[in-house]
Amino acid sequence: MKKIFVTTSWDDGHKLDLKVSELLTKYGLTGTFYVATNQVNRLNDDDIREISKRHEIGAHTVNHPRLSAISIDKAAEEIKNSKTILENIVGKPVEMFAYPFGDYNEEVKCIVGSCGFRGARTTKDWSWDLPEDAFEMPTSLHVYPHPLRPGVSSLRARLKPLFYNFPKIIHHRLRPAAIFSWRNLALAMFDRAYAEGSVFHIWGHSWEIEKYGMWNDFEDLLKYISSHVGIVYSTNRDIIRASLDKK
């Protein structure tokens, strides 16, 4: 039987990450929390240390810029300083990095590696595979409204999640119920990972879960996952290790 890996990751380091951490712990899951160290409503240092007891802390720059849009020197400063600040807080190596906005290029990738990180997570989704490149780690599913995005004025923006996910639901032959809600989509994507023995990687922002009222759906997913046996609950760093072991 192939190993089934489940990991989660959370960007920005918002105070609501504490609630995510508590829910993951409640259901026996783990994850990586990518903290941008100079952000409004950021976790304080004690919060970060508390989360690090059970989960992994990753770096997400200091000021959350688009790294490909600033100078290489400035990008290197953002990346290196975020690692140093967080290691001073948690008292142990910070080995994973997440690109703000999922924005990077080859130069940025090289900087991340040269700063001593073991891997970096992107915002590429709809993947069930171990990463082929440790510095282009994909994900499975964003915790984000589906099929409709509430609170936007234009019909196009409202329908954007449906337009994005629908072709992929059809292509991967997920059950039809996946079309109708994020919860259904997440369950269907997990079931595929579980059946095939692969990776299921949920990522998101705790402030978006709050903004879009998705806490119940998120907890339902965690409860469903925890009801299954034979799962390797992993941090993002664990997934990178598994990928390297496979090569």
Protein backbone atom coordinates (compact mmCIF):
# COMPACT_ATOMS: atom_id res chain seq x y z
CA MET A 1 0.00 0.00 0.00
CA LYS A 2 1.36 3.41 -0.97
CA LYS A 3 1.80 6.02 1.74
CA ILE A 4 -0.90 8.65 2.06
CA PHE A 5 0.57 11.97 3.17
CA VAL A 6 -1.58 14.79 4.51
CA THR A 7 -0.09 18.21 5.13
CA THR A 8 -1.44 21.71 5.58
CA SER A 9 0.15 25.15 5.27
CA TRP A 10 -0.90 28.64 6.31
CA ASP A 11 0.39 31.96 5.05
CA ASP A 12 1.04 35.37 6.59
CA GLY A 13 1.17 34.59 10.33
CA HIS A 14 -2.18 36.20 11.20
CA LYS A 15 -3.43 35.97 14.80
CA LEU A 16 -6.22 33.65 13.64
CA ASP A 17 -3.56 31.05 12.88
CA LEU A 18 -3.92 30.15 16.56
CA LYS A 19 -7.44 28.91 15.81
CA VAL A 20 -6.19 26.90 12.82
CA SER A 21 -3.45 25.42 14.99
CA GLU A 22 -5.95 24.41 17.67
CA LEU A 23 -8.22 22.71 15.11
CA LEU A 24 -5.33 20.83 13.51
CA THR A 25 -4.18 19.64 16.93
CA LYS A 26 -7.73 18.62 17.89
CA TYR A 27 -7.93 16.22 14.94
CA GLY A 28 -4.34 15.03 15.00
CA LEU A 29 -3.16 16.86 11.89
CA THR A 30 -0.12 19.06 11.55
CA GLY A 31 1.10 21.79 9.26
CA THR A 32 3.50 24.57 8.43
CA PHE A 33 2.77 28.18 9.38
CA TYR A 34 4.55 30.68 7.13
CA VAL A 35 5.00 33.92 9.03
CA ALA A 36 5.65 37.32 7.44
CA THR A 37 7.30 39.03 10.37
CA ASN A 38 6.25 42.65 9.77
CA GLN A 39 2.50 42.43 9.19
CA VAL A 40 -0.59 43.92 10.82
CA ASN A 41 -2.38 41.49 13.17
CA ARG A 42 0.64 39.19 13.20
CA LEU A 43 1.09 36.45 15.76
CA ASN A 44 3.24 37.70 18.61
CA ASP A 45 6.47 35.93 19.49
CA ASP A 46 4.85 33.84 22.23
CA ASP A 47 2.13 32.75 19.80
CA ILE A 48 4.75 31.65 17.28
CA ARG A 49 6.63 29.68 19.92
CA GLU A 50 3.40 28.02 21.06
CA ILE A 51 2.47 26.95 17.52
CA SER A 52 6.02 25.66 16.95
CA LYS A 53 5.59 23.12 19.76
CA ARG A 54 3.23 21.06 17.61
CA HIS A 55 3.66 22.43 14.09
CA GLU A 56 6.36 23.80 11.82
CA ILE A 57 7.19 27.48 11.45
CA GLY A 58 8.23 28.61 7.97
CA ALA A 59 9.38 31.97 6.63
CA HIS A 60 7.32 34.23 4.36
CA THR A 61 9.59 37.31 4.11
CA VAL A 62 9.51 40.34 6.40
CA ASN A 63 7.19 42.71 4.51
CA HIS A 64 5.36 40.32 2.13
CA PRO A 65 6.48 41.84 -1.21
CA ARG A 66 6.23 40.34 -4.68
CA LEU A 67 9.78 39.08 -4.81
CA SER A 68 10.14 39.15 -8.58
CA ALA A 69 9.08 42.81 -8.62
CA ILE A 70 11.83 44.14 -6.35
CA SER A 71 15.61 44.20 -6.74
CA ILE A 72 17.53 40.99 -6.18
CA ASP A 73 19.39 42.58 -3.27
CA LYS A 74 16.13 43.61 -1.63
CA ALA A 75 14.62 40.17 -2.24
CA ALA A 76 17.65 38.53 -0.64
CA GLU A 77 17.32 40.82 2.37
CA GLU A 78 13.62 39.99 2.78
CA ILE A 79 14.24 36.25 2.55
CA LYS A 80 17.35 36.07 4.73
CA ASN A 81 16.08 38.40 7.45
CA SER A 82 12.78 36.57 7.78
CA LYS A 83 14.67 33.34 8.44
CA THR A 84 16.93 34.98 11.02
CA ILE A 85 14.08 36.69 12.87
CA LEU A 86 12.00 33.51 13.13
CA GLU A 87 14.92 31.32 14.17
CA ASN A 88 15.66 33.77 16.97
CA ILE A 89 12.04 33.47 18.10
CA VAL A 90 11.61 29.68 17.99
CA GLY A 91 15.20 28.75 18.85
CA LYS A 92 15.53 26.15 16.10
CA PRO A 93 16.14 26.03 12.33
CA VAL A 94 13.46 27.42 10.01
CA GLU A 95 13.78 25.22 6.94
CA MET A 96 10.78 26.04 4.75
CA PHE A 97 9.84 29.18 2.83
CA ALA A 98 6.63 30.24 1.05
CA TYR A 99 6.69 32.77 -1.78
CA PRO A 100 4.37 35.75 -1.03
CA PHE A 101 1.52 35.78 -3.58
CA GLY A 102 3.10 32.64 -5.04
CA ASP A 103 5.40 35.00 -6.93
CA TYR A 104 8.95 33.89 -7.76
CA ASN A 105 11.45 33.34 -10.56
CA GLU A 106 14.67 31.37 -10.95
CA GLU A 107 16.77 34.06 -9.25
CA VAL A 108 14.44 34.11 -6.26
CA LYS A 109 14.55 30.31 -6.04
CA CYS A 110 18.33 30.40 -5.99
CA ILE A 111 18.33 32.99 -3.20
CA VAL A 112 15.98 30.86 -1.09
CA GLY A 113 18.29 27.87 -1.48
CA SER A 114 21.41 29.90 -0.74
CA CYS A 115 19.86 31.19 2.50
CA GLY A 116 19.75 27.66 3.87
CA PHE A 117 16.12 26.72 3.31
CA ARG A 118 15.40 23.09 2.43
CA GLY A 119 12.38 23.86 0.28
CA ALA A 120 9.78 26.41 -0.74
CA ARG A 121 6.04 26.19 -1.23
CA THR A 122 4.23 27.74 -4.17
CA THR A 123 0.51 28.45 -4.65
CA LYS A 124 0.22 25.96 -7.51
CA ASP A 125 -2.72 23.71 -6.73
CA TRP A 126 -4.59 20.63 -7.92
CA SER A 127 -1.58 18.42 -7.26
CA TRP A 128 -1.50 15.10 -5.45
CA ASP A 129 2.18 14.47 -6.10
CA LEU A 130 5.35 14.70 -4.08
CA PRO A 131 7.30 17.73 -5.31
CA GLU A 132 9.78 17.12 -8.12
CA ASP A 133 11.59 20.35 -7.21
CA ALA A 134 11.98 21.08 -3.49
CA PHE A 135 11.76 24.81 -4.22
CA GLU A 136 8.55 24.55 -6.25
CA MET A 137 6.36 22.61 -3.85
CA PRO A 138 2.76 22.41 -5.13
CA THR A 139 -0.45 22.13 -3.15
CA SER A 140 -3.77 20.34 -3.62
CA LEU A 141 -6.46 22.83 -2.65
CA HIS A 142 -6.78 26.40 -1.39
CA VAL A 143 -9.25 27.00 1.46
CA TYR A 144 -11.31 29.47 -0.52
CA PRO A 145 -14.99 29.86 -1.47
CA HIS A 146 -16.35 27.56 -4.18
CA PRO A 147 -18.34 27.63 -6.45
CA LEU A 148 -19.17 31.30 -5.82
CA ARG A 149 -17.12 34.04 -4.18
CA PRO A 150 -19.34 36.20 -1.95
CA GLY A 151 -18.97 39.91 -1.35
CA VAL A 152 -17.91 40.98 -4.84
CA SER A 153 -19.86 43.24 -7.16
CA SER A 154 -19.17 41.78 -10.60
CA LEU A 155 -20.70 38.52 -11.78
CA ARG A 156 -17.38 37.49 -13.32
CA ALA A 157 -15.57 37.83 -10.01
CA ARG A 158 -18.36 35.99 -8.22
CA LEU A 159 -18.14 33.06 -10.64
CA LYS A 160 -14.35 32.95 -10.79
CA PRO A 161 -13.94 29.96 -8.40
CA LEU A 162 -16.41 27.93 -10.47
CA PHE A 163 -14.71 28.82 -13.75
CA TYR A 164 -11.35 27.86 -12.24
CA ASN A 165 -12.31 24.57 -10.58
CA PHE A 166 -15.00 23.16 -12.85
CA PRO A 167 -12.72 22.07 -15.73
CA LYS A 168 -10.38 20.40 -13.24
CA ILE A 169 -13.24 18.58 -11.52
CA ILE A 170 -14.28 17.19 -14.90
CA HIS A 171 -10.72 16.41 -16.01
CA HIS A 172 -9.93 14.46 -12.84
CA ARG A 173 -13.34 12.76 -12.83
CA LEU A 174 -14.24 13.77 -9.31
CA ARG A 175 -17.76 13.00 -8.18
CA PRO A 176 -20.38 15.55 -9.38
CA ALA A 177 -21.11 16.78 -5.85
CA ALA A 178 -17.67 18.46 -5.89
CA ILE A 179 -19.14 21.17 -8.11
CA PHE A 180 -21.54 22.46 -5.48
CA SER A 181 -19.45 23.44 -2.45
CA TRP A 182 -15.88 23.81 -1.21
CA ARG A 183 -16.54 21.15 1.42
CA ASN A 184 -17.65 18.66 -1.22
CA LEU A 185 -14.69 19.52 -3.41
CA ALA A 186 -12.23 19.08 -0.55
CA LEU A 187 -13.72 15.72 0.45
CA ALA A 188 -13.61 14.48 -3.13
CA MET A 189 -9.99 15.55 -3.56
CA PHE A 190 -8.99 13.88 -0.30
CA ASP A 191 -10.80 10.68 -1.30
CA ARG A 192 -8.78 10.56 -4.50
CA ALA A 193 -5.52 10.97 -2.57
CA TYR A 194 -6.58 8.29 -0.11
CA ALA A 195 -7.58 5.83 -2.81
CA GLU A 196 -4.41 6.29 -4.84
CA GLY A 197 -1.86 6.70 -2.06
CA SER A 198 -0.57 10.18 -2.68
CA VAL A 199 -0.32 13.66 -1.14
CA PHE A 200 -3.22 15.83 0.03
CA HIS A 201 -2.06 19.37 0.78
CA ILE A 202 -4.50 22.00 2.00
CA TRP A 203 -3.24 25.59 2.17
CA GLY A 204 -4.75 28.97 2.91
CA HIS A 205 -4.99 32.03 5.11
CA SER A 206 -6.74 31.95 8.46
CA TRP A 207 -8.08 35.46 7.85
CA GLU A 208 -9.77 34.24 4.65
CA ILE A 209 -11.44 31.39 6.51
CA GLU A 210 -12.84 34.02 8.87
CA LYS A 211 -13.73 36.46 6.08
CA TYR A 212 -15.71 33.89 4.12
CA GLY A 213 -17.22 32.03 7.06
CA MET A 214 -15.51 28.72 6.26
CA TRP A 215 -14.62 27.46 9.74
CA ASN A 216 -17.35 24.78 9.84
CA ASP A 217 -16.44 23.45 6.40
CA PHE A 218 -12.78 23.41 7.34
CA GLU A 219 -13.42 21.55 10.57
CA ASP A 220 -15.69 19.06 8.79
CA LEU A 221 -12.81 18.25 6.46
CA LEU A 222 -10.35 17.76 9.32
CA LYS A 223 -12.81 15.50 11.13
CA TYR A 224 -13.36 13.45 7.96
CA ILE A 225 -9.63 13.05 7.34
CA SER A 226 -9.01 12.02 10.95
CA SER A 227 -11.57 9.21 10.62
CA HIS A 228 -9.29 7.39 8.16
CA VAL A 229 -6.41 5.07 9.03
CA GLY A 230 -2.96 4.73 7.52
CA ILE A 231 -2.28 8.44 6.98
CA VAL A 232 1.14 10.00 7.49
CA TYR A 233 0.44 13.43 8.97
CA SER A 234 3.26 15.68 7.85
CA THR A 235 4.72 19.15 7.91
CA ASN A 236 5.78 20.66 4.60
CA ARG A 237 9.40 19.81 5.50
CA ASP A 238 8.39 16.17 5.97
CA ILE A 239 6.96 16.15 2.45
CA ILE A 240 10.25 17.46 1.07
CA ARG A 241 12.11 14.71 2.93
CA ALA A 242 9.74 12.06 1.54
CA SER A 243 10.27 13.44 -1.95
CA LEU A 244 14.07 13.25 -1.60
CA ASP A 245 13.88 9.73 -0.14
CA LYS A 246 11.89 8.62 -3.18
CA LYS A 247 14.56 9.77 -5.65
